[in-house]
Amino acid sequence: MTALGRLAWMEIKLFFRERQAMFWTFLFPVLMIWLFGEMFGKEKIGGMSFSDAYVPSWVAVNLLTTSLFTIGTTLSSYRQTGVLRRLQATPLQSWVILASHMAYGLLVFVVSALVIVGFGAAAFHLDMPKYPGSTIIALALSVLALFPFGLFAASLAKNVRAAAAI
């Protein structure tokens, strides 16, 4: 396994050990979809059911929170606690450290999106996209557009509180 893969795997394991991160990333969106789906699931919005519109919006919210909070605040925390300084003392190049955070953020986002869509499909019989390839391309472009904002927020912030505020 490459250094990038090992570092990304370490970040993934650290993320999945944190129960609060797991709750807010995976369970909270499911609870919100269930709650609002039960309240407004039968209503129609522009020719589609409320659930058909609400579930993809939670995928977008999770993409945004993954990019800004999961990646941005983790890197800010590493800078504040000196982890980045210690990593720079290793033979790892800076791009490997950043790429590993992007890879772990991507995995967290993909798993959360699958959980959200899977729950929505099982609970509310969502209409799936007619063109799944276009949906995947749109999500990939969104990841490429939003993940750098997490890196940017981490580069601006002096500490974790500032990163969360940005």
Protein backbone atom coordinates (compact mmCIF):
# COMPACT_ATOMS: atom_id res chain seq x y z
CA MET A 1 0.00 0.00 0.00
CA THR A 2 1.30 3.46 -0.84
CA ALA A 3 1.91 6.20 1.70
CA LEU A 4 -1.20 7.97 0.41
CA GLY A 5 -3.29 4.84 0.92
CA ARG A 6 -1.91 4.19 4.41
CA LEU A 7 -2.49 7.77 5.53
CA ALA A 8 -6.01 7.82 4.05
CA TRP A 9 -6.78 4.49 5.73
CA MET A 10 -5.58 5.86 9.07
CA GLU A 11 -7.86 8.91 8.69
CA ILE A 12 -10.80 6.69 7.78
CA LYS A 13 -10.26 4.53 10.86
CA LEU A 14 -9.99 7.62 13.07
CA PHE A 15 -13.25 8.98 11.64
CA PHE A 16 -15.18 5.74 12.13
CA ARG A 17 -14.02 5.52 15.76
CA GLU A 18 -15.76 8.79 16.64
CA ARG A 19 -19.35 8.07 17.58
CA GLN A 20 -20.51 11.67 17.33
CA ALA A 21 -19.10 12.01 13.84
CA MET A 22 -20.87 8.81 12.85
CA PHE A 23 -24.16 10.04 14.30
CA TRP A 24 -24.10 13.46 12.62
CA THR A 25 -22.85 12.11 9.31
CA PHE A 26 -24.97 9.00 8.88
CA LEU A 27 -27.82 8.77 11.39
CA PHE A 28 -28.95 12.40 11.72
CA PRO A 29 -29.76 12.80 7.98
CA VAL A 30 -31.70 9.52 8.07
CA LEU A 31 -33.68 10.71 11.10
CA MET A 32 -34.45 14.03 9.42
CA ILE A 33 -35.50 12.34 6.18
CA TRP A 34 -37.75 9.99 8.11
CA LEU A 35 -39.26 12.79 10.22
CA PHE A 36 -39.97 15.18 7.36
CA GLY A 37 -40.88 12.36 5.00
CA GLU A 38 -43.57 11.23 7.43
CA MET A 39 -44.86 14.78 7.84
CA PHE A 40 -44.75 15.94 4.22
CA GLY A 41 -44.05 12.79 2.18
CA LYS A 42 -47.34 12.79 0.28
CA GLU A 43 -47.18 16.43 -0.80
CA LYS A 44 -46.20 17.27 -4.36
CA ILE A 45 -43.64 19.93 -5.24
CA GLY A 46 -43.37 20.80 -8.92
CA GLY A 47 -44.59 17.38 -10.03
CA MET A 48 -42.45 15.36 -7.61
CA SER A 49 -43.05 14.12 -4.12
CA PHE A 50 -41.54 15.92 -1.15
CA SER A 51 -39.27 12.94 -0.46
CA ASP A 52 -37.98 12.94 -4.05
CA ALA A 53 -36.83 16.53 -3.51
CA TYR A 54 -35.76 16.24 0.14
CA VAL A 55 -33.46 13.20 -0.07
CA PRO A 56 -31.16 14.69 -2.75
CA SER A 57 -31.00 17.91 -0.75
CA TRP A 58 -29.59 15.92 2.19
CA VAL A 59 -26.98 14.42 -0.12
CA ALA A 60 -25.99 17.98 -1.04
CA VAL A 61 -25.93 19.05 2.62
CA ASN A 62 -23.70 16.10 3.47
CA LEU A 63 -21.37 17.00 0.60
CA LEU A 64 -21.06 20.52 1.95
CA THR A 65 -20.54 19.45 5.55
CA THR A 66 -18.01 16.82 4.52
CA SER A 67 -16.02 19.33 2.52
CA LEU A 68 -16.05 22.12 5.09
CA PHE A 69 -16.26 20.37 8.43
CA THR A 70 -14.82 16.91 7.95
CA ILE A 71 -11.86 18.01 5.85
CA GLY A 72 -11.46 21.65 6.92
CA THR A 73 -11.74 21.29 10.66
CA THR A 74 -9.68 18.10 10.75
CA LEU A 75 -6.77 19.80 9.02
CA SER A 76 -7.15 22.87 11.25
CA SER A 77 -7.15 20.62 14.29
CA TYR A 78 -4.01 18.91 13.02
CA ARG A 79 -2.32 22.27 12.57
CA GLN A 80 -3.39 23.49 16.01
CA THR A 81 -2.20 20.33 17.79
CA GLY A 82 1.06 20.06 15.84
CA VAL A 83 0.19 16.92 13.88
CA LEU A 84 0.86 18.64 10.53
CA ARG A 85 4.26 19.79 11.75
CA ARG A 86 5.14 16.24 12.76
CA LEU A 87 3.89 14.89 9.42
CA GLN A 88 6.08 17.41 7.59
CA ALA A 89 9.07 15.98 9.44
CA THR A 90 8.42 12.63 7.73
CA PRO A 91 9.40 11.87 4.12
CA LEU A 92 5.77 12.45 3.09
CA GLN A 93 5.22 15.23 0.60
CA SER A 94 2.58 17.86 1.40
CA TRP A 95 0.35 16.80 -1.46
CA VAL A 96 0.14 13.27 -0.02
CA ILE A 97 -1.19 14.64 3.27
CA LEU A 98 -3.80 16.78 1.51
CA ALA A 99 -4.74 14.02 -0.94
CA SER A 100 -5.23 11.54 1.91
CA HIS A 101 -7.71 13.92 3.54
CA MET A 102 -9.50 14.35 0.24
CA ALA A 103 -9.66 10.55 -0.19
CA TYR A 104 -11.02 10.01 3.29
CA GLY A 105 -13.54 12.83 2.80
CA LEU A 106 -14.61 11.26 -0.48
CA LEU A 107 -15.18 7.89 1.17
CA VAL A 108 -17.16 9.46 4.01
CA PHE A 109 -19.30 11.36 1.50
CA VAL A 110 -19.92 8.33 -0.73
CA VAL A 111 -20.92 6.14 2.22
CA SER A 112 -23.20 8.85 3.63
CA ALA A 113 -24.81 9.43 0.22
CA LEU A 114 -25.44 5.70 -0.18
CA VAL A 115 -26.96 5.50 3.31
CA ILE A 116 -29.19 8.53 2.65
CA VAL A 117 -30.37 7.41 -0.78
CA GLY A 118 -30.73 3.79 0.34
CA PHE A 119 -32.89 4.78 3.30
CA GLY A 120 -34.93 7.18 1.18
CA ALA A 121 -35.50 4.53 -1.47
CA ALA A 122 -36.47 1.89 1.09
CA ALA A 123 -38.71 4.11 3.21
CA PHE A 124 -40.31 6.40 0.63
CA HIS A 125 -39.92 4.59 -2.71
CA LEU A 126 -37.96 7.37 -4.36
CA ASP A 127 -37.95 7.86 -8.09
CA MET A 128 -34.35 7.21 -9.05
CA PRO A 129 -32.68 9.43 -11.66
CA LYS A 130 -33.36 8.49 -15.27
CA TYR A 131 -29.72 9.12 -16.13
CA PRO A 132 -27.56 7.81 -13.26
CA GLY A 133 -24.36 8.54 -15.18
CA SER A 134 -25.22 12.23 -15.33
CA THR A 135 -26.00 12.20 -11.62
CA ILE A 136 -22.63 10.63 -10.81
CA ILE A 137 -20.83 13.16 -13.04
CA ALA A 138 -22.69 16.02 -11.33
CA LEU A 139 -21.74 14.67 -7.89
CA ALA A 140 -18.11 14.21 -8.96
CA LEU A 141 -17.95 17.79 -10.24
CA SER A 142 -19.54 19.00 -7.01
CA VAL A 143 -16.89 17.14 -5.00
CA LEU A 144 -14.15 18.67 -7.15
CA ALA A 145 -15.67 22.11 -6.62
CA LEU A 146 -16.38 21.91 -2.88
CA PHE A 147 -13.53 19.87 -1.39
CA PRO A 148 -10.96 22.59 -2.17
CA PHE A 149 -13.07 24.98 -0.07
CA GLY A 150 -12.42 22.74 2.93
CA LEU A 151 -8.70 22.96 2.23
CA PHE A 152 -9.02 26.71 1.78
CA ALA A 153 -10.88 27.10 5.08
CA ALA A 154 -8.20 25.06 6.81
CA SER A 155 -5.47 27.22 5.31
CA LEU A 156 -7.13 30.45 6.49
CA ALA A 157 -8.04 29.35 9.99
CA LYS A 158 -5.61 29.79 12.84
CA ASN A 159 -7.47 27.24 14.98
CA VAL A 160 -10.40 24.83 14.92
CA ARG A 161 -12.95 27.39 16.12
CA ALA A 162 -12.04 29.71 13.28
CA ALA A 163 -12.25 26.86 10.76
CA ALA A 164 -15.73 25.96 11.98
CA ALA A 165 -16.79 29.61 11.71
CA ILE A 166 -15.46 29.96 8.18
